[in-house]
Amino acid sequence: MTDKEKSRMERLEQMQKQKEMMKGMYKFQGLYFVILIFDLAVIYYLPLRDAIGGAFQTAFGPLIGFNFQYPVLTIALSGIITGVVTGIPRYYFTDWVRLGKVQKRSQAYSKALNQAYKESDRDKVNKLRKMQQEHMMDQQRIQMSSQTPLIFLSFFTILIFVWLYYFLSNLKFAFISLPWASNLDLNASFAVFPNWIIVSFISNLTVGYFVTMVIKYVDFSLKAMRFSQEQTGS
């Protein structure tokens, strides 16, 4: 096989990989769009939002509602619950070993490209850029495979938010006192979002990533211990 034929075969393989990657991205974006439309409908269509919020009030009200007496605690606990529910699957749906290898490879490609640019080695730059494109497709595949299951979990998060909308709309007094604000309205908007969403989001984000990191640390420690025992035994 001549060099031209090899180059042509490589281009065809690259094009085929790109087509497969684009198909996967279109499916992922389509799924994300459908769920986004559902989320917007649930949040902004008031009859549906009130119906779902009222239904969830029967479950979450006695659990973390505290008879409408501690709204900030209720909001924080709802964020913690969603953080735990999303944090555990985030770990198990992510291939951390493969992700770590991809990140190391990205750093290696960036370093090699910078060196090739400094040396004005065009052939090396072109070769590295082709390799980097394949690497980026692999990175995107990993991200989509880990994020797709988590999109479905966003249903749970949205339902919690819908319940909080219902919960806070039934508060007799939605004002709290903070060191920097004596009368803060939980339902008032800060920029685009209501104040209570910011509290819930911070709780969710903090707890979610904390849970993921703890599970990751424990799991990797156990794997390292088992590997060490196997190496010692062998």
C-alpha atoms as a PDB file:
ATOM      1  CA  MET A   1       0.000   0.000   0.000  1.00  0.00           C
ATOM      2  CA  THR A   2       1.400   3.381  -1.045  1.00  0.00           C
ATOM      3  CA  ASP A   3       1.673   6.408   1.215  1.00  0.00           C
ATOM      4  CA  LYS A   4      -1.199   8.087  -0.644  1.00  0.00           C
ATOM      5  CA  GLU A   5      -3.463   5.083  -0.114  1.00  0.00           C
ATOM      6  CA  LYS A   6      -2.551   4.966   3.582  1.00  0.00           C
ATOM      7  CA  SER A   7      -3.266   8.657   3.941  1.00  0.00           C
ATOM      8  CA  ARG A   8      -6.601   8.209   2.144  1.00  0.00           C
ATOM      9  CA  MET A   9      -7.554   5.301   4.418  1.00  0.00           C
ATOM     10  CA  GLU A  10      -6.653   7.338   7.507  1.00  0.00           C
ATOM     11  CA  ARG A  11      -8.809  10.234   6.299  1.00  0.00           C
ATOM     12  CA  LEU A  12     -11.747   7.902   5.636  1.00  0.00           C
ATOM     13  CA  GLU A  13     -11.413   6.367   9.109  1.00  0.00           C
ATOM     14  CA  GLN A  14     -11.224   9.825  10.654  1.00  0.00           C
ATOM     15  CA  MET A  15     -14.344  10.929   8.779  1.00  0.00           C
ATOM     16  CA  GLN A  16     -16.223   7.807   9.884  1.00  0.00           C
ATOM     17  CA  LYS A  17     -15.286   8.428  13.524  1.00  0.00           C
ATOM     18  CA  GLN A  18     -16.408  12.034  13.219  1.00  0.00           C
ATOM     19  CA  LYS A  19     -19.776  10.951  11.748  1.00  0.00           C
ATOM     20  CA  GLU A  20     -20.339   8.509  14.605  1.00  0.00           C
ATOM     21  CA  MET A  21     -19.360  11.183  17.087  1.00  0.00           C
ATOM     22  CA  MET A  22     -21.768  13.683  15.534  1.00  0.00           C
ATOM     23  CA  LYS A  23     -24.614  11.143  15.687  1.00  0.00           C
ATOM     24  CA  GLY A  24     -23.937  10.595  19.382  1.00  0.00           C
ATOM     25  CA  MET A  25     -23.821  14.338  20.008  1.00  0.00           C
ATOM     26  CA  TYR A  26     -27.123  14.901  18.175  1.00  0.00           C
ATOM     27  CA  LYS A  27     -28.807  12.205  20.276  1.00  0.00           C
ATOM     28  CA  PHE A  28     -27.376  13.687  23.465  1.00  0.00           C
ATOM     29  CA  GLN A  29     -28.448  17.217  22.513  1.00  0.00           C
ATOM     30  CA  GLY A  30     -31.906  15.989  21.494  1.00  0.00           C
ATOM     31  CA  LEU A  31     -32.377  14.242  24.829  1.00  0.00           C
ATOM     32  CA  TYR A  32     -31.160  17.314  26.687  1.00  0.00           C
ATOM     33  CA  PHE A  33     -33.550  19.539  24.706  1.00  0.00           C
ATOM     34  CA  VAL A  34     -36.565  17.305  25.420  1.00  0.00           C
ATOM     35  CA  ILE A  35     -35.830  17.271  29.149  1.00  0.00           C
ATOM     36  CA  LEU A  36     -35.235  21.032  29.124  1.00  0.00           C
ATOM     37  CA  ILE A  37     -38.668  21.602  27.536  1.00  0.00           C
ATOM     38  CA  PHE A  38     -40.241  19.344  30.156  1.00  0.00           C
ATOM     39  CA  ASP A  39     -38.464  21.214  32.966  1.00  0.00           C
ATOM     40  CA  LEU A  40     -39.603  24.594  31.651  1.00  0.00           C
ATOM     41  CA  ALA A  41     -43.175  23.345  31.261  1.00  0.00           C
ATOM     42  CA  VAL A  42     -43.230  22.018  34.819  1.00  0.00           C
ATOM     43  CA  ILE A  43     -41.795  25.234  36.283  1.00  0.00           C
ATOM     44  CA  TYR A  44     -43.713  27.850  34.303  1.00  0.00           C
ATOM     45  CA  TYR A  45     -47.083  26.145  33.690  1.00  0.00           C
ATOM     46  CA  LEU A  46     -48.698  27.022  37.026  1.00  0.00           C
ATOM     47  CA  PRO A  47     -51.514  24.420  37.135  1.00  0.00           C
ATOM     48  CA  LEU A  48     -49.042  21.600  36.493  1.00  0.00           C
ATOM     49  CA  ARG A  49     -46.505  23.041  38.936  1.00  0.00           C
ATOM     50  CA  ASP A  50     -49.081  23.416  41.694  1.00  0.00           C
ATOM     51  CA  ALA A  51     -50.435  19.912  41.105  1.00  0.00           C
ATOM     52  CA  ILE A  52     -46.978  18.321  41.318  1.00  0.00           C
ATOM     53  CA  GLY A  53     -45.968  20.532  44.251  1.00  0.00           C
ATOM     54  CA  GLY A  54     -49.117  19.632  46.166  1.00  0.00           C
ATOM     55  CA  ALA A  55     -48.566  15.931  45.540  1.00  0.00           C
ATOM     56  CA  PHE A  56     -44.979  16.120  46.782  1.00  0.00           C
ATOM     57  CA  GLN A  57     -46.050  18.146  49.805  1.00  0.00           C
ATOM     58  CA  THR A  58     -47.683  15.017  51.211  1.00  0.00           C
ATOM     59  CA  ALA A  59     -44.287  13.286  51.158  1.00  0.00           C
ATOM     60  CA  PHE A  60     -41.735  16.021  51.804  1.00  0.00           C
ATOM     61  CA  GLY A  61     -43.885  18.244  53.985  1.00  0.00           C
ATOM     62  CA  PRO A  62     -43.902  15.923  57.028  1.00  0.00           C
ATOM     63  CA  LEU A  63     -40.291  14.906  56.339  1.00  0.00           C
ATOM     64  CA  ILE A  64     -38.460  18.249  56.029  1.00  0.00           C
ATOM     65  CA  GLY A  65     -41.258  20.828  55.992  1.00  0.00           C
ATOM     66  CA  PHE A  66     -41.249  21.391  59.787  1.00  0.00           C
ATOM     67  CA  ASN A  67     -44.786  22.742  59.536  1.00  0.00           C
ATOM     68  CA  PHE A  68     -43.489  25.819  57.610  1.00  0.00           C
ATOM     69  CA  GLN A  69     -41.553  27.002  60.676  1.00  0.00           C
ATOM     70  CA  TYR A  70     -37.929  26.716  59.451  1.00  0.00           C
ATOM     71  CA  PRO A  71     -37.919  27.533  55.714  1.00  0.00           C
ATOM     72  CA  VAL A  72     -34.151  28.048  55.435  1.00  0.00           C
ATOM     73  CA  LEU A  73     -33.509  24.653  57.012  1.00  0.00           C
ATOM     74  CA  THR A  74     -36.080  23.108  54.672  1.00  0.00           C
ATOM     75  CA  ILE A  75     -34.392  24.669  51.624  1.00  0.00           C
ATOM     76  CA  ALA A  76     -30.921  23.571  52.788  1.00  0.00           C
ATOM     77  CA  LEU A  77     -32.084  20.011  53.486  1.00  0.00           C
ATOM     78  CA  SER A  78     -33.746  19.779  50.082  1.00  0.00           C
ATOM     79  CA  GLY A  79     -30.433  20.798  48.505  1.00  0.00           C
ATOM     80  CA  ILE A  80     -28.596  18.199  50.571  1.00  0.00           C
ATOM     81  CA  ILE A  81     -31.041  15.474  49.497  1.00  0.00           C
ATOM     82  CA  THR A  82     -30.655  16.309  45.807  1.00  0.00           C
ATOM     83  CA  GLY A  83     -26.883  16.513  46.277  1.00  0.00           C
ATOM     84  CA  VAL A  84     -26.749  13.006  47.751  1.00  0.00           C
ATOM     85  CA  VAL A  85     -29.144  11.573  45.149  1.00  0.00           C
ATOM     86  CA  THR A  86     -27.110  13.000  42.250  1.00  0.00           C
ATOM     87  CA  GLY A  87     -23.659  12.649  43.836  1.00  0.00           C
ATOM     88  CA  ILE A  88     -23.717   8.849  44.197  1.00  0.00           C
ATOM     89  CA  PRO A  89     -24.726   8.098  40.569  1.00  0.00           C
ATOM     90  CA  ARG A  90     -22.246  10.739  39.341  1.00  0.00           C
ATOM     91  CA  TYR A  91     -19.446   8.625  40.740  1.00  0.00           C
ATOM     92  CA  TYR A  92     -20.633   5.252  39.425  1.00  0.00           C
ATOM     93  CA  PHE A  93     -21.493   6.539  35.951  1.00  0.00           C
ATOM     94  CA  THR A  94     -18.056   8.142  35.509  1.00  0.00           C
ATOM     95  CA  ASP A  95     -15.057   6.107  34.331  1.00  0.00           C
ATOM     96  CA  TRP A  96     -12.526   7.863  36.565  1.00  0.00           C
ATOM     97  CA  VAL A  97      -9.522   5.837  35.416  1.00  0.00           C
ATOM     98  CA  ARG A  98     -10.223   6.513  31.758  1.00  0.00           C
ATOM     99  CA  LEU A  99     -11.000  10.150  32.533  1.00  0.00           C
ATOM    100  CA  GLY A 100      -7.677  10.509  34.352  1.00  0.00           C
ATOM    101  CA  LYS A 101      -5.820   9.019  31.396  1.00  0.00           C
ATOM    102  CA  VAL A 102      -7.572  11.400  29.020  1.00  0.00           C
ATOM    103  CA  GLN A 103      -6.655  14.406  31.161  1.00  0.00           C
ATOM    104  CA  LYS A 104      -3.003  13.324  31.320  1.00  0.00           C
ATOM    105  CA  ARG A 105      -2.983  12.829  27.564  1.00  0.00           C
ATOM    106  CA  SER A 106      -4.459  16.300  27.047  1.00  0.00           C
ATOM    107  CA  GLN A 107      -1.641  17.816  29.067  1.00  0.00           C
ATOM    108  CA  ALA A 108       0.925  15.814  27.099  1.00  0.00           C
ATOM    109  CA  TYR A 109      -0.538  16.943  23.744  1.00  0.00           C
ATOM    110  CA  SER A 110      -0.575  20.594  24.831  1.00  0.00           C
ATOM    111  CA  LYS A 111       3.030  20.397  25.995  1.00  0.00           C
ATOM    112  CA  ALA A 112       4.179  18.648  22.802  1.00  0.00           C
ATOM    113  CA  LEU A 113       2.314  21.126  20.584  1.00  0.00           C
ATOM    114  CA  ASN A 114       3.839  24.107  22.345  1.00  0.00           C
ATOM    115  CA  GLN A 115       7.278  22.612  21.887  1.00  0.00           C
ATOM    116  CA  ALA A 116       6.605  21.886  18.200  1.00  0.00           C
ATOM    117  CA  TYR A 117       5.434  25.471  17.642  1.00  0.00           C
ATOM    118  CA  LYS A 118       8.585  26.800  19.305  1.00  0.00           C
ATOM    119  CA  GLU A 119      10.724  24.590  17.056  1.00  0.00           C
ATOM    120  CA  SER A 120       8.667  25.575  13.961  1.00  0.00           C
ATOM    121  CA  ASP A 121       8.271  21.880  13.124  1.00  0.00           C
ATOM    122  CA  ARG A 122       5.189  21.940  10.858  1.00  0.00           C
ATOM    123  CA  ASP A 123       5.117  18.206  10.207  1.00  0.00           C
ATOM    124  CA  LYS A 124       5.120  17.480  13.920  1.00  0.00           C
ATOM    125  CA  VAL A 125       2.457  20.149  14.533  1.00  0.00           C
ATOM    126  CA  ASN A 126       0.156  18.674  11.863  1.00  0.00           C
ATOM    127  CA  LYS A 127       0.644  15.149  13.208  1.00  0.00           C
ATOM    128  CA  LEU A 128      -0.031  16.204  16.783  1.00  0.00           C
ATOM    129  CA  ARG A 129      -3.123  18.175  15.792  1.00  0.00           C
ATOM    130  CA  LYS A 130      -4.602  15.121  14.065  1.00  0.00           C
ATOM    131  CA  MET A 131      -3.869  13.007  17.125  1.00  0.00           C
ATOM    132  CA  GLN A 132      -5.366  15.706  19.335  1.00  0.00           C
ATOM    133  CA  GLN A 133      -8.608  15.716  17.320  1.00  0.00           C
ATOM    134  CA  GLU A 134      -9.022  11.970  17.868  1.00  0.00           C
ATOM    135  CA  HIS A 135      -8.253  12.481  21.538  1.00  0.00           C
ATOM    136  CA  MET A 136     -10.881  15.231  21.833  1.00  0.00           C
ATOM    137  CA  MET A 137     -13.516  12.924  20.308  1.00  0.00           C
ATOM    138  CA  ASP A 138     -12.628  10.272  22.870  1.00  0.00           C
ATOM    139  CA  GLN A 139     -12.926  12.885  25.632  1.00  0.00           C
ATOM    140  CA  GLN A 140     -16.367  13.944  24.391  1.00  0.00           C
ATOM    141  CA  ARG A 141     -17.529  10.318  24.307  1.00  0.00           C
ATOM    142  CA  ILE A 142     -16.530   9.892  27.947  1.00  0.00           C
ATOM    143  CA  GLN A 143     -18.361  13.063  28.933  1.00  0.00           C
ATOM    144  CA  MET A 144     -21.540  12.045  27.106  1.00  0.00           C
ATOM    145  CA  SER A 145     -21.508   8.520  28.540  1.00  0.00           C
ATOM    146  CA  SER A 146     -21.226   9.897  32.083  1.00  0.00           C
ATOM    147  CA  GLN A 147     -23.650  12.809  31.669  1.00  0.00           C
ATOM    148  CA  THR A 148     -26.479  11.020  29.839  1.00  0.00           C
ATOM    149  CA  PRO A 149     -27.703   9.036  32.895  1.00  0.00           C
ATOM    150  CA  LEU A 150     -27.405  12.160  35.049  1.00  0.00           C
ATOM    151  CA  ILE A 151     -29.773  14.037  32.732  1.00  0.00           C
ATOM    152  CA  PHE A 152     -32.555  11.686  33.810  1.00  0.00           C
ATOM    153  CA  LEU A 153     -31.755  12.429  37.454  1.00  0.00           C
ATOM    154  CA  SER A 154     -32.452  16.093  36.737  1.00  0.00           C
ATOM    155  CA  PHE A 155     -36.146  15.074  36.823  1.00  0.00           C
ATOM    156  CA  PHE A 156     -35.787  14.482  40.549  1.00  0.00           C
ATOM    157  CA  THR A 157     -34.043  17.814  41.066  1.00  0.00           C
ATOM    158  CA  ILE A 158     -36.753  19.660  39.148  1.00  0.00           C
ATOM    159  CA  LEU A 159     -39.485  17.934  41.166  1.00  0.00           C
ATOM    160  CA  ILE A 160     -37.766  19.063  44.378  1.00  0.00           C
ATOM    161  CA  PHE A 161     -37.654  22.628  43.032  1.00  0.00           C
ATOM    162  CA  VAL A 162     -41.330  22.428  42.085  1.00  0.00           C
ATOM    163  CA  TRP A 163     -42.183  21.303  45.596  1.00  0.00           C
ATOM    164  CA  LEU A 164     -40.140  24.206  47.020  1.00  0.00           C
ATOM    165  CA  TYR A 165     -42.083  26.630  44.824  1.00  0.00           C
ATOM    166  CA  TYR A 166     -45.293  25.225  46.309  1.00  0.00           C
ATOM    167  CA  PHE A 167     -43.877  25.176  49.842  1.00  0.00           C
ATOM    168  CA  LEU A 168     -42.667  28.782  49.758  1.00  0.00           C
ATOM    169  CA  SER A 169     -45.840  30.079  48.124  1.00  0.00           C
ATOM    170  CA  ASN A 170     -47.736  28.780  51.154  1.00  0.00           C
ATOM    171  CA  LEU A 171     -45.492  30.435  53.714  1.00  0.00           C
ATOM    172  CA  LYS A 172     -47.303  33.004  55.797  1.00  0.00           C
ATOM    173  CA  PHE A 173     -44.093  34.989  56.242  1.00  0.00           C
ATOM    174  CA  ALA A 174     -41.323  34.467  53.687  1.00  0.00           C
ATOM    175  CA  PHE A 175     -38.809  36.890  55.206  1.00  0.00           C
ATOM    176  CA  ILE A 176     -35.648  35.949  57.093  1.00  0.00           C
ATOM    177  CA  SER A 177     -33.017  37.936  58.942  1.00  0.00           C
ATOM    178  CA  LEU A 178     -29.340  37.702  58.013  1.00  0.00           C
ATOM    179  CA  PRO A 179     -26.257  39.611  59.239  1.00  0.00           C
ATOM    180  CA  TRP A 180     -26.194  41.598  55.987  1.00  0.00           C
ATOM    181  CA  ALA A 181     -29.969  41.894  55.470  1.00  0.00           C
ATOM    182  CA  SER A 182     -32.549  42.258  58.212  1.00  0.00           C
ATOM    183  CA  ASN A 183     -35.561  41.484  55.999  1.00  0.00           C
ATOM    184  CA  LEU A 184     -34.651  39.213  53.092  1.00  0.00           C
ATOM    185  CA  ASP A 185     -37.576  37.994  51.019  1.00  0.00           C
ATOM    186  CA  LEU A 186     -36.957  34.370  50.024  1.00  0.00           C
ATOM    187  CA  ASN A 187     -39.259  34.725  47.035  1.00  0.00           C
ATOM    188  CA  ALA A 188     -37.610  37.911  45.780  1.00  0.00           C
ATOM    189  CA  SER A 189     -35.262  37.555  42.821  1.00  0.00           C
ATOM    190  CA  PHE A 190     -31.526  38.056  42.949  1.00  0.00           C
ATOM    191  CA  ALA A 191     -30.495  38.710  39.323  1.00  0.00           C
ATOM    192  CA  VAL A 192     -32.659  36.056  37.596  1.00  0.00           C
ATOM    193  CA  PHE A 193     -33.313  33.447  40.283  1.00  0.00           C
ATOM    194  CA  PRO A 194     -35.267  33.685  43.549  1.00  0.00           C
ATOM    195  CA  ASN A 195     -33.142  33.871  46.693  1.00  0.00           C
ATOM    196  CA  TRP A 196     -34.240  30.433  47.869  1.00  0.00           C
ATOM    197  CA  ILE A 197     -32.942  28.774  44.696  1.00  0.00           C
ATOM    198  CA  ILE A 198     -29.461  30.151  45.415  1.00  0.00           C
ATOM    199  CA  VAL A 199     -29.508  28.607  48.909  1.00  0.00           C
ATOM    200  CA  SER A 200     -30.714  25.274  47.528  1.00  0.00           C
ATOM    201  CA  PHE A 201     -28.193  25.329  44.666  1.00  0.00           C
ATOM    202  CA  ILE A 202     -25.242  25.962  46.989  1.00  0.00           C
ATOM    203  CA  SER A 203     -26.330  23.101  49.272  1.00  0.00           C
ATOM    204  CA  ASN A 204     -26.859  20.790  46.304  1.00  0.00           C
ATOM    205  CA  LEU A 205     -23.536  21.585  44.632  1.00  0.00           C
ATOM    206  CA  THR A 206     -21.475  21.415  47.821  1.00  0.00           C
ATOM    207  CA  VAL A 207     -22.960  18.181  49.126  1.00  0.00           C
ATOM    208  CA  GLY A 208     -23.095  16.523  45.694  1.00  0.00           C
ATOM    209  CA  TYR A 209     -19.414  16.960  44.958  1.00  0.00           C
ATOM    210  CA  PHE A 210     -18.459  16.198  48.555  1.00  0.00           C
ATOM    211  CA  VAL A 211     -20.344  12.873  48.383  1.00  0.00           C
ATOM    212  CA  THR A 212     -18.717  12.059  45.026  1.00  0.00           C
ATOM    213  CA  MET A 213     -15.222  12.812  46.329  1.00  0.00           C
ATOM    214  CA  VAL A 214     -15.747  10.785  49.518  1.00  0.00           C
ATOM    215  CA  ILE A 215     -16.971   7.745  47.577  1.00  0.00           C
ATOM    216  CA  LYS A 216     -14.095   8.170  45.129  1.00  0.00           C
ATOM    217  CA  TYR A 217     -11.542   8.318  47.943  1.00  0.00           C
ATOM    218  CA  VAL A 218     -12.952   5.260  49.726  1.00  0.00           C
ATOM    219  CA  ASP A 219     -13.360   3.222  46.528  1.00  0.00           C
ATOM    220  CA  PHE A 220      -9.887   4.019  45.199  1.00  0.00           C
ATOM    221  CA  SER A 221      -8.337   3.346  48.610  1.00  0.00           C
ATOM    222  CA  LEU A 222      -9.969  -0.088  48.734  1.00  0.00           C
ATOM    223  CA  LYS A 223      -8.879  -0.842  45.172  1.00  0.00           C
ATOM    224  CA  ALA A 224      -5.306   0.220  45.963  1.00  0.00           C
ATOM    225  CA  MET A 225      -5.347  -1.963  49.088  1.00  0.00           C
ATOM    226  CA  ARG A 226      -6.584  -4.986  47.148  1.00  0.00           C
ATOM    227  CA  PHE A 227      -4.000  -4.396  44.422  1.00  0.00           C
ATOM    228  CA  SER A 228      -1.246  -4.167  47.034  1.00  0.00           C
ATOM    229  CA  GLN A 229      -2.402  -7.421  48.665  1.00  0.00           C
ATOM    230  CA  GLU A 230      -2.480  -9.184  45.300  1.00  0.00           C
ATOM    231  CA  GLN A 231       1.028  -7.966  44.482  1.00  0.00           C
ATOM    232  CA  THR A 232       2.289  -9.095  47.898  1.00  0.00           C
ATOM    233  CA  GLY A 233       0.621 -12.482  47.534  1.00  0.00           C
ATOM    234  CA  SER A 234       2.068 -13.018  44.094  1.00  0.00           C
END
